[in-house]
């Protein structure tokens, strides 16, 4: 029998990854950045098999991400089955150039 202890201050983030939960790609537009609470309010697109399109407030797996995003940014992130509170590996999607 193997026992694994995980110590982290990122809520369930590492546990979701380590438990072999199914990973989904999240896409959305940031509507609010709360630096004090270290959360983002995101208008998220439908993620088939995870969550329908809606605006929600999410925690982040990495605290430094809060300094790299702003209202209006389009983002992608990883989300995991059973974890509806944390966005993982958030990346800002560069705006498309207008022709």
PDB file of N, CA and C in Angstrom:
ATOM      1  N   UNK A   1       0.841  -1.174   0.000  1.00  0.00           N
ATOM      2  CA  UNK A   1       0.000   0.000   0.000  1.00  0.00           C
ATOM      3  C   UNK A   1       0.887   1.238   0.000  1.00  0.00           C
ATOM      4  N   UNK A   2       0.544   2.186  -0.869  1.00  0.00           N
ATOM      5  CA  UNK A   2       1.320   3.413  -0.979  1.00  0.00           C
ATOM      6  C   UNK A   2       0.468   4.572  -0.488  1.00  0.00           C
ATOM      7  N   UNK A   3       1.029   5.393   0.368  1.00  0.00           N
ATOM      8  CA  UNK A   3       0.344   6.572   0.883  1.00  0.00           C
ATOM      9  C   UNK A   3       1.113   7.790   0.405  1.00  0.00           C
ATOM     10  N   UNK A   4       0.380   8.732  -0.170  1.00  0.00           N
ATOM     11  CA  UNK A   4       1.017   9.940  -0.687  1.00  0.00           C
ATOM     12  C   UNK A   4       0.419  11.137   0.029  1.00  0.00           C
ATOM     13  N   UNK A   5       1.272  12.008   0.550  1.00  0.00           N
ATOM     14  CA  UNK A   5       0.827  13.219   1.219  1.00  0.00           C
ATOM     15  C   UNK A   5       1.233  14.402   0.354  1.00  0.00           C
ATOM     16  N   UNK A   6       0.249  15.248   0.064  1.00  0.00           N
ATOM     17  CA  UNK A   6       0.504  16.425  -0.761  1.00  0.00           C
ATOM     18  C   UNK A   6       0.228  17.657   0.078  1.00  0.00           C
ATOM     19  N   UNK A   7       1.220  18.517   0.198  1.00  0.00           N
ATOM     20  CA  UNK A   7       1.062  19.778   0.914  1.00  0.00           C
ATOM     21  C   UNK A   7       1.151  20.903  -0.097  1.00  0.00           C
ATOM     22  N   UNK A   8       0.070  21.669  -0.198  1.00  0.00           N
ATOM     23  CA  UNK A   8       0.055  22.787  -1.142  1.00  0.00           C
ATOM     24  C   UNK A   8      -0.970  23.803  -0.673  1.00  0.00           C
ATOM     25  N   UNK A   9      -0.765  25.055  -1.061  1.00  0.00           N
ATOM     26  CA  UNK A   9      -1.717  26.092  -0.708  1.00  0.00           C
ATOM     27  C   UNK A   9      -2.564  26.487  -1.911  1.00  0.00           C
ATOM     28  N   UNK A  10      -2.730  25.579  -2.845  1.00  0.00           N
ATOM     29  CA  UNK A  10      -3.499  25.855  -4.052  1.00  0.00           C
ATOM     30  C   UNK A  10      -4.823  25.109  -4.029  1.00  0.00           C
ATOM     31  N   UNK A  11      -5.374  24.872  -2.888  1.00  0.00           N
ATOM     32  CA  UNK A  11      -6.649  24.173  -2.809  1.00  0.00           C
ATOM     33  C   UNK A  11      -6.517  22.767  -3.335  1.00  0.00           C
ATOM     34  N   UNK A  12      -7.435  22.379  -4.188  1.00  0.00           N
ATOM     35  CA  UNK A  12      -7.459  21.012  -4.710  1.00  0.00           C
ATOM     36  C   UNK A  12      -6.649  20.872  -5.995  1.00  0.00           C
ATOM     37  N   UNK A  13      -5.966  21.922  -6.415  1.00  0.00           N
ATOM     38  CA  UNK A  13      -5.276  21.899  -7.707  1.00  0.00           C
ATOM     39  C   UNK A  13      -4.359  20.692  -7.893  1.00  0.00           C
ATOM     40  N   UNK A  14      -3.364  20.481  -7.039  1.00  0.00           N
ATOM     41  CA  UNK A  14      -2.480  19.343  -7.268  1.00  0.00           C
ATOM     42  C   UNK A  14      -3.201  18.011  -7.112  1.00  0.00           C
ATOM     43  N   UNK A  15      -4.181  17.960  -6.227  1.00  0.00           N
ATOM     44  CA  UNK A  15      -4.898  16.712  -6.017  1.00  0.00           C
ATOM     45  C   UNK A  15      -5.668  16.300  -7.261  1.00  0.00           C
ATOM     46  N   UNK A  16      -6.289  17.261  -7.940  1.00  0.00           N
ATOM     47  CA  UNK A  16      -7.049  16.937  -9.145  1.00  0.00           C
ATOM     48  C   UNK A  16      -6.142  16.349 -10.208  1.00  0.00           C
ATOM     49  N   UNK A  17      -4.951  16.919 -10.356  1.00  0.00           N
ATOM     50  CA  UNK A  17      -4.018  16.421 -11.359  1.00  0.00           C
ATOM     51  C   UNK A  17      -3.505  15.044 -10.976  1.00  0.00           C
ATOM     52  N   UNK A  18      -3.147  14.859  -9.738  1.00  0.00           N
ATOM     53  CA  UNK A  18      -2.535  13.619  -9.316  1.00  0.00           C
ATOM     54  C   UNK A  18      -3.530  12.476  -9.226  1.00  0.00           C
ATOM     55  N   UNK A  19      -4.784  12.782  -9.066  1.00  0.00           N
ATOM     56  CA  UNK A  19      -5.787  11.731  -8.937  1.00  0.00           C
ATOM     57  C   UNK A  19      -6.178  11.162 -10.294  1.00  0.00           C
ATOM     58  N   UNK A  20      -5.547  11.643 -11.357  1.00  0.00           N
ATOM     59  CA  UNK A  20      -5.827  11.120 -12.692  1.00  0.00           C
ATOM     60  C   UNK A  20      -7.158  11.573 -13.251  1.00  0.00           C
ATOM     61  N   UNK A  21      -7.634  12.719 -12.814  1.00  0.00           N
ATOM     62  CA  UNK A  21      -8.904  13.255 -13.304  1.00  0.00           C
ATOM     63  C   UNK A  21      -8.756  13.661 -14.771  1.00  0.00           C
ATOM     64  N   UNK A  22      -9.848  13.580 -15.508  1.00  0.00           N
ATOM     65  CA  UNK A  22      -9.824  13.963 -16.921  1.00  0.00           C
ATOM     66  C   UNK A  22      -9.586  15.462 -17.054  1.00  0.00           C
ATOM     67  N   UNK A  23      -8.680  15.823 -17.954  1.00  0.00           N
ATOM     68  CA  UNK A  23      -8.330  17.221 -18.204  1.00  0.00           C
ATOM     69  C   UNK A  23      -9.178  17.756 -19.352  1.00  0.00           C
ATOM     70  N   UNK A  24      -9.617  19.015 -19.224  1.00  0.00           N
ATOM     71  CA  UNK A  24     -10.375  19.703 -20.270  1.00  0.00           C
ATOM     72  C   UNK A  24      -9.701  21.039 -20.553  1.00  0.00           C
ATOM     73  N   UNK A  25      -9.914  21.567 -21.750  1.00  0.00           N
ATOM     74  CA  UNK A  25      -9.401  22.896 -22.101  1.00  0.00           C
ATOM     75  C   UNK A  25     -10.511  23.915 -21.895  1.00  0.00           C
ATOM     76  N   UNK A  26     -10.209  24.921 -21.088  1.00  0.00           N
ATOM     77  CA  UNK A  26     -11.137  26.000 -20.752  1.00  0.00           C
ATOM     78  C   UNK A  26     -10.764  27.231 -21.562  1.00  0.00           C
ATOM     79  N   UNK A  27     -11.768  27.934 -22.083  1.00  0.00           N
ATOM     80  CA  UNK A  27     -11.551  29.189 -22.808  1.00  0.00           C
ATOM     81  C   UNK A  27     -12.555  30.218 -22.300  1.00  0.00           C
ATOM     82  N   UNK A  28     -12.103  31.456 -22.189  1.00  0.00           N
ATOM     83  CA  UNK A  28     -13.020  32.490 -21.751  1.00  0.00           C
ATOM     84  C   UNK A  28     -12.402  33.868 -21.783  1.00  0.00           C
ATOM     85  N   UNK A  29     -13.233  34.855 -21.413  1.00  0.00           N
ATOM     86  CA  UNK A  29     -12.807  36.252 -21.395  1.00  0.00           C
ATOM     87  C   UNK A  29     -12.885  36.765 -19.958  1.00  0.00           C
ATOM     88  N   UNK A  30     -11.806  37.380 -19.492  1.00  0.00           N
ATOM     89  CA  UNK A  30     -11.744  37.887 -18.122  1.00  0.00           C
ATOM     90  C   UNK A  30     -12.627  39.130 -17.987  1.00  0.00           C
ATOM     91  N   UNK A  31     -13.515  39.091 -16.989  1.00  0.00           N
ATOM     92  CA  UNK A  31     -14.392  40.225 -16.716  1.00  0.00           C
ATOM     93  C   UNK A  31     -13.969  40.989 -15.477  1.00  0.00           C
ATOM     94  N   UNK A  32     -13.252  40.319 -14.550  1.00  0.00           N
ATOM     95  CA  UNK A  32     -12.805  40.988 -13.324  1.00  0.00           C
ATOM     96  C   UNK A  32     -11.552  40.296 -12.815  1.00  0.00           C
ATOM     97  N   UNK A  33     -10.607  41.105 -12.321  1.00  0.00           N
ATOM     98  CA  UNK A  33      -9.394  40.592 -11.675  1.00  0.00           C
ATOM     99  C   UNK A  33      -9.415  41.097 -10.242  1.00  0.00           C
ATOM    100  N   UNK A  34      -9.432  40.178  -9.280  1.00  0.00           N
ATOM    101  CA  UNK A  34      -9.426  40.554  -7.865  1.00  0.00           C
ATOM    102  C   UNK A  34      -8.077  40.153  -7.276  1.00  0.00           C
ATOM    103  N   UNK A  35      -7.152  41.127  -7.240  1.00  0.00           N
ATOM    104  CA  UNK A  35      -5.795  40.822  -6.764  1.00  0.00           C
ATOM    105  C   UNK A  35      -5.785  40.448  -5.283  1.00  0.00           C
ATOM    106  N   UNK A  36      -6.653  41.065  -4.495  1.00  0.00           N
ATOM    107  CA  UNK A  36      -6.683  40.775  -3.059  1.00  0.00           C
ATOM    108  C   UNK A  36      -7.105  39.324  -2.808  1.00  0.00           C
ATOM    109  N   UNK A  37      -8.176  38.895  -3.467  1.00  0.00           N
ATOM    110  CA  UNK A  37      -8.678  37.526  -3.289  1.00  0.00           C
ATOM    111  C   UNK A  37      -7.937  36.524  -4.175  1.00  0.00           C
ATOM    112  N   UNK A  38      -7.128  37.037  -5.112  1.00  0.00           N
ATOM    113  CA  UNK A  38      -6.394  36.205  -6.072  1.00  0.00           C
ATOM    114  C   UNK A  38      -7.346  35.333  -6.888  1.00  0.00           C
ATOM    115  N   UNK A  39      -8.395  35.997  -7.432  1.00  0.00           N
ATOM    116  CA  UNK A  39      -9.373  35.301  -8.259  1.00  0.00           C
ATOM    117  C   UNK A  39      -9.624  36.056  -9.554  1.00  0.00           C
ATOM    118  N   UNK A  40     -10.149  35.338 -10.527  1.00  0.00           N
ATOM    119  CA  UNK A  40     -10.578  35.913 -11.798  1.00  0.00           C
ATOM    120  C   UNK A  40     -12.048  35.595 -11.989  1.00  0.00           C
ATOM    121  N   UNK A  41     -12.807  36.574 -12.461  1.00  0.00           N
ATOM    122  CA  UNK A  41     -14.167  36.320 -12.904  1.00  0.00           C
ATOM    123  C   UNK A  41     -14.089  36.212 -14.414  1.00  0.00           C
ATOM    124  N   UNK A  42     -14.516  35.057 -14.939  1.00  0.00           N
ATOM    125  CA  UNK A  42     -14.340  34.758 -16.357  1.00  0.00           C
ATOM    126  C   UNK A  42     -15.670  34.358 -16.983  1.00  0.00           C
ATOM    127  N   UNK A  43     -15.943  34.946 -18.146  1.00  0.00           N
ATOM    128  CA  UNK A  43     -17.078  34.527 -18.959  1.00  0.00           C
ATOM    129  C   UNK A  43     -16.584  33.340 -19.776  1.00  0.00           C
ATOM    130  N   UNK A  44     -16.839  32.147 -19.284  1.00  0.00           N
ATOM    131  CA  UNK A  44     -16.297  30.935 -19.893  1.00  0.00           C
ATOM    132  C   UNK A  44     -17.187  30.357 -20.974  1.00  0.00           C
ATOM    133  N   UNK A  45     -16.552  29.809 -21.988  1.00  0.00           N
ATOM    134  CA  UNK A  45     -17.270  29.108 -23.050  1.00  0.00           C
ATOM    135  C   UNK A  45     -17.689  27.732 -22.546  1.00  0.00           C
ATOM    136  N   UNK A  46     -18.594  27.089 -23.276  1.00  0.00           N
ATOM    137  CA  UNK A  46     -19.001  25.727 -22.947  1.00  0.00           C
ATOM    138  C   UNK A  46     -17.787  24.802 -22.994  1.00  0.00           C
ATOM    139  N   UNK A  47     -17.639  23.986 -21.966  1.00  0.00           N
ATOM    140  CA  UNK A  47     -16.589  22.963 -21.944  1.00  0.00           C
ATOM    141  C   UNK A  47     -17.321  21.629 -21.894  1.00  0.00           C
ATOM    142  N   UNK A  48     -17.442  21.003 -23.042  1.00  0.00           N
ATOM    143  CA  UNK A  48     -18.183  19.744 -23.167  1.00  0.00           C
ATOM    144  C   UNK A  48     -17.687  18.728 -22.142  1.00  0.00           C
ATOM    145  N   UNK A  49     -18.623  18.187 -21.369  1.00  0.00           N
ATOM    146  CA  UNK A  49     -18.281  17.179 -20.385  1.00  0.00           C
ATOM    147  C   UNK A  49     -17.786  17.733 -19.062  1.00  0.00           C
ATOM    148  N   UNK A  50     -17.718  19.067 -18.952  1.00  0.00           N
ATOM    149  CA  UNK A  50     -17.234  19.668 -17.696  1.00  0.00           C
ATOM    150  C   UNK A  50     -18.216  20.711 -17.168  1.00  0.00           C
ATOM    151  N   UNK A  51     -18.523  21.764 -17.970  1.00  0.00           N
ATOM    152  CA  UNK A  51     -19.417  22.821 -17.504  1.00  0.00           C
ATOM    153  C   UNK A  51     -19.978  23.590 -18.698  1.00  0.00           C
ATOM    154  N   UNK A  52     -21.274  23.964 -18.620  1.00  0.00           N
ATOM    155  CA  UNK A  52     -21.829  24.791 -19.705  1.00  0.00           C
ATOM    156  C   UNK A  52     -21.253  26.208 -19.644  1.00  0.00           C
ATOM    157  N   UNK A  53     -21.478  26.966 -20.705  1.00  0.00           N
ATOM    158  CA  UNK A  53     -20.998  28.356 -20.749  1.00  0.00           C
ATOM    159  C   UNK A  53     -21.635  29.153 -19.619  1.00  0.00           C
ATOM    160  N   UNK A  54     -20.798  29.878 -18.871  1.00  0.00           N
ATOM    161  CA  UNK A  54     -21.299  30.750 -17.802  1.00  0.00           C
ATOM    162  C   UNK A  54     -20.169  31.634 -17.288  1.00  0.00           C
ATOM    163  N   UNK A  55     -20.553  32.673 -16.568  1.00  0.00           N
ATOM    164  CA  UNK A  55     -19.580  33.543 -15.920  1.00  0.00           C
ATOM    165  C   UNK A  55     -19.445  33.113 -14.472  1.00  0.00           C
ATOM    166  N   UNK A  56     -18.197  32.858 -14.052  1.00  0.00           N
ATOM    167  CA  UNK A  56     -17.912  32.400 -12.698  1.00  0.00           C
ATOM    168  C   UNK A  56     -16.606  32.994 -12.198  1.00  0.00           C
ATOM    169  N   UNK A  57     -16.421  32.950 -10.904  1.00  0.00           N
ATOM    170  CA  UNK A  57     -15.169  33.378 -10.284  1.00  0.00           C
ATOM    171  C   UNK A  57     -14.342  32.142  -9.967  1.00  0.00           C
ATOM    172  N   UNK A  58     -13.071  32.185 -10.356  1.00  0.00           N
ATOM    173  CA  UNK A  58     -12.162  31.051 -10.190  1.00  0.00           C
ATOM    174  C   UNK A  58     -10.907  31.461  -9.430  1.00  0.00           C
ATOM    175  N   UNK A  59     -10.377  30.527  -8.656  1.00  0.00           N
ATOM    176  CA  UNK A  59      -9.051  30.676  -8.061  1.00  0.00           C
ATOM    177  C   UNK A  59      -8.030  30.261  -9.123  1.00  0.00           C
ATOM    178  N   UNK A  60      -6.772  30.549  -8.853  1.00  0.00           N
ATOM    179  CA  UNK A  60      -5.696  30.220  -9.793  1.00  0.00           C
ATOM    180  C   UNK A  60      -4.720  29.243  -9.152  1.00  0.00           C
ATOM    181  N   UNK A  61      -4.142  28.366  -9.974  1.00  0.00           N
ATOM    182  CA  UNK A  61      -3.176  27.406  -9.430  1.00  0.00           C
ATOM    183  C   UNK A  61      -1.840  28.062  -9.114  1.00  0.00           C
ATOM    184  N   UNK A  62      -1.544  29.185  -9.759  1.00  0.00           N
ATOM    185  CA  UNK A  62      -0.273  29.886  -9.528  1.00  0.00           C
ATOM    186  C   UNK A  62      -0.579  31.347  -9.198  1.00  0.00           C
ATOM    187  N   UNK A  63      -0.153  31.779  -8.016  1.00  0.00           N
ATOM    188  CA  UNK A  63      -0.439  33.150  -7.574  1.00  0.00           C
ATOM    189  C   UNK A  63       0.080  34.213  -8.531  1.00  0.00           C
ATOM    190  N   UNK A  64       1.230  33.979  -9.157  1.00  0.00           N
ATOM    191  CA  UNK A  64       1.819  35.000 -10.030  1.00  0.00           C
ATOM    192  C   UNK A  64       0.979  35.280 -11.279  1.00  0.00           C
ATOM    193  N   UNK A  65       0.061  34.386 -11.615  1.00  0.00           N
ATOM    194  CA  UNK A  65      -0.789  34.577 -12.796  1.00  0.00           C
ATOM    195  C   UNK A  65      -1.613  35.844 -12.681  1.00  0.00           C
ATOM    196  N   UNK A  66      -2.026  36.203 -11.481  1.00  0.00           N
ATOM    197  CA  UNK A  66      -2.888  37.369 -11.272  1.00  0.00           C
ATOM    198  C   UNK A  66      -2.233  38.654 -11.786  1.00  0.00           C
ATOM    199  N   UNK A  67      -0.901  38.701 -11.795  1.00  0.00           N
ATOM    200  CA  UNK A  67      -0.166  39.892 -12.250  1.00  0.00           C
ATOM    201  C   UNK A  67      -0.001  39.921 -13.781  1.00  0.00           C
ATOM    202  N   UNK A  68      -0.317  38.801 -14.442  1.00  0.00           N
ATOM    203  CA  UNK A  68      -0.072  38.691 -15.881  1.00  0.00           C
ATOM    204  C   UNK A  68      -1.334  38.847 -16.724  1.00  0.00           C
ATOM    205  N   UNK A  69      -2.474  39.055 -16.079  1.00  0.00           N
ATOM    206  CA  UNK A  69      -3.733  39.136 -16.812  1.00  0.00           C
ATOM    207  C   UNK A  69      -4.448  40.446 -16.505  1.00  0.00           C
ATOM    208  N   UNK A  70      -5.401  40.796 -17.379  1.00  0.00           N
ATOM    209  CA  UNK A  70      -6.194  42.013 -17.162  1.00  0.00           C
ATOM    210  C   UNK A  70      -7.601  41.800 -17.714  1.00  0.00           C
ATOM    211  N   UNK A  71      -8.506  42.662 -17.312  1.00  0.00           N
ATOM    212  CA  UNK A  71      -9.880  42.605 -17.807  1.00  0.00           C
ATOM    213  C   UNK A  71      -9.867  42.709 -19.330  1.00  0.00           C
ATOM    214  N   UNK A  72     -10.642  41.861 -19.969  1.00  0.00           N
ATOM    215  CA  UNK A  72     -10.729  41.857 -21.432  1.00  0.00           C
ATOM    216  C   UNK A  72      -9.851  40.813 -22.089  1.00  0.00           C
ATOM    217  N   UNK A  73      -8.865  40.281 -21.364  1.00  0.00           N
ATOM    218  CA  UNK A  73      -8.003  39.236 -21.932  1.00  0.00           C
ATOM    219  C   UNK A  73      -8.810  37.973 -22.231  1.00  0.00           C
ATOM    220  N   UNK A  74      -8.521  37.386 -23.382  1.00  0.00           N
ATOM    221  CA  UNK A  74      -9.028  36.049 -23.698  1.00  0.00           C
ATOM    222  C   UNK A  74      -7.995  35.073 -23.156  1.00  0.00           C
ATOM    223  N   UNK A  75      -8.461  34.029 -22.457  1.00  0.00           N
ATOM    224  CA  UNK A  75      -7.532  33.082 -21.856  1.00  0.00           C
ATOM    225  C   UNK A  75      -7.886  31.644 -22.213  1.00  0.00           C
ATOM    226  N   UNK A  76      -6.900  30.794 -22.054  1.00  0.00           N
ATOM    227  CA  UNK A  76      -7.122  29.351 -22.051  1.00  0.00           C
ATOM    228  C   UNK A  76      -6.544  28.846 -20.729  1.00  0.00           C
ATOM    229  N   UNK A  77      -7.059  27.720 -20.277  1.00  0.00           N
ATOM    230  CA  UNK A  77      -6.571  27.111 -19.037  1.00  0.00           C
ATOM    231  C   UNK A  77      -6.925  25.635 -19.062  1.00  0.00           C
ATOM    232  N   UNK A  78      -6.351  24.904 -18.139  1.00  0.00           N
ATOM    233  CA  UNK A  78      -6.712  23.502 -17.948  1.00  0.00           C
ATOM    234  C   UNK A  78      -7.667  23.433 -16.767  1.00  0.00           C
ATOM    235  N   UNK A  79      -8.687  22.587 -16.895  1.00  0.00           N
ATOM    236  CA  UNK A  79      -9.603  22.306 -15.791  1.00  0.00           C
ATOM    237  C   UNK A  79      -9.752  20.796 -15.702  1.00  0.00           C
ATOM    238  N   UNK A  80     -10.182  20.334 -14.533  1.00  0.00           N
ATOM    239  CA  UNK A  80     -10.240  18.897 -14.281  1.00  0.00           C
ATOM    240  C   UNK A  80     -11.594  18.487 -13.735  1.00  0.00           C
ATOM    241  N   UNK A  81     -12.038  17.287 -14.123  1.00  0.00           N
ATOM    242  CA  UNK A  81     -13.294  16.744 -13.611  1.00  0.00           C
ATOM    243  C   UNK A  81     -13.348  16.867 -12.098  1.00  0.00           C
ATOM    244  N   UNK A  82     -14.482  17.325 -11.593  1.00  0.00           N
ATOM    245  CA  UNK A  82     -14.688  17.419 -10.162  1.00  0.00           C
ATOM    246  C   UNK A  82     -14.117  18.668  -9.513  1.00  0.00           C
ATOM    247  N   UNK A  83     -13.316  19.450 -10.236  1.00  0.00           N
ATOM    248  CA  UNK A  83     -12.742  20.685  -9.686  1.00  0.00           C
ATOM    249  C   UNK A  83     -13.299  21.849 -10.499  1.00  0.00           C
ATOM    250  N   UNK A  84     -14.295  22.527  -9.926  1.00  0.00           N
ATOM    251  CA  UNK A  84     -14.959  23.623 -10.618  1.00  0.00           C
ATOM    252  C   UNK A  84     -14.549  24.982 -10.058  1.00  0.00           C
ATOM    253  N   UNK A  85     -13.446  25.024  -9.315  1.00  0.00           N
ATOM    254  CA  UNK A  85     -13.045  26.264  -8.653  1.00  0.00           C
ATOM    255  C   UNK A  85     -11.690  26.798  -9.083  1.00  0.00           C
ATOM    256  N   UNK A  86     -10.829  25.962  -9.680  1.00  0.00           N
ATOM    257  CA  UNK A  86      -9.449  26.366  -9.950  1.00  0.00           C
ATOM    258  C   UNK A  86      -9.133  26.269 -11.439  1.00  0.00           C
ATOM    259  N   UNK A  87      -8.505  27.339 -11.970  1.00  0.00           N
ATOM    260  CA  UNK A  87      -7.972  27.318 -13.334  1.00  0.00           C
ATOM    261  C   UNK A  87      -6.484  27.010 -13.247  1.00  0.00           C
ATOM    262  N   UNK A  88      -6.024  26.088 -14.081  1.00  0.00           N
ATOM    263  CA  UNK A  88      -4.631  25.643 -14.073  1.00  0.00           C
ATOM    264  C   UNK A  88      -3.932  26.104 -15.352  1.00  0.00           C
ATOM    265  N   UNK A  89      -2.678  26.481 -15.220  1.00  0.00           N
ATOM    266  CA  UNK A  89      -1.842  26.846 -16.384  1.00  0.00           C
ATOM    267  C   UNK A  89      -2.529  27.866 -17.290  1.00  0.00           C
ATOM    268  N   UNK A  90      -2.989  28.961 -16.699  1.00  0.00           N
ATOM    269  CA  UNK A  90      -3.682  30.017 -17.455  1.00  0.00           C
ATOM    270  C   UNK A  90      -2.715  30.684 -18.422  1.00  0.00           C
ATOM    271  N   UNK A  91      -3.174  30.856 -19.654  1.00  0.00           N
ATOM    272  CA  UNK A  91      -2.391  31.561 -20.676  1.00  0.00           C
ATOM    273  C   UNK A  91      -3.282  32.572 -21.368  1.00  0.00           C
ATOM    274  N   UNK A  92      -2.727  33.771 -21.628  1.00  0.00           N
ATOM    275  CA  UNK A  92      -3.445  34.789 -22.383  1.00  0.00           C
ATOM    276  C   UNK A  92      -3.313  34.476 -23.863  1.00  0.00           C
ATOM    277  N   UNK A  93      -4.457  34.502 -24.555  1.00  0.00           N
ATOM    278  CA  UNK A  93      -4.473  34.262 -26.001  1.00  0.00           C
ATOM    279  C   UNK A  93      -4.218  35.593 -26.690  1.00  0.00           C
ATOM    280  N   UNK A  94      -3.165  35.670 -27.531  1.00  0.00           N
ATOM    281  CA  UNK A  94      -2.896  36.938 -28.229  1.00  0.00           C
ATOM    282  C   UNK A  94      -4.092  37.340 -29.089  1.00  0.00           C
ATOM    283  N   UNK A  95      -4.396  38.651 -29.127  1.00  0.00           N
ATOM    284  CA  UNK A  95      -5.523  39.096 -29.964  1.00  0.00           C
ATOM    285  C   UNK A  95      -5.234  38.814 -31.450  1.00  0.00           C
ATOM    286  N   UNK A  96      -6.315  38.516 -32.152  1.00  0.00           N
ATOM    287  CA  UNK A  96      -6.165  38.253 -33.586  1.00  0.00           C
ATOM    288  C   UNK A  96      -5.972  39.587 -34.305  1.00  0.00           C
ATOM    289  N   UNK A  97      -5.064  39.574 -35.260  1.00  0.00           N
ATOM    290  CA  UNK A  97      -4.809  40.788 -36.043  1.00  0.00           C
ATOM    291  C   UNK A  97      -5.949  41.004 -37.021  1.00  0.00           C
ATOM    292  N   UNK A  98      -6.397  42.257 -37.103  1.00  0.00           N
ATOM    293  CA  UNK A  98      -7.477  42.598 -38.042  1.00  0.00           C
ATOM    294  C   UNK A  98      -6.870  42.857 -39.403  1.00  0.00           C
ATOM    295  N   UNK A  99      -7.539  42.328 -40.424  1.00  0.00           N
ATOM    296  CA  UNK A  99      -7.035  42.501 -41.799  1.00  0.00           C
ATOM    297  C   UNK A  99      -7.786  43.578 -42.513  1.00  0.00           C
TER     298      UNK A  99
END
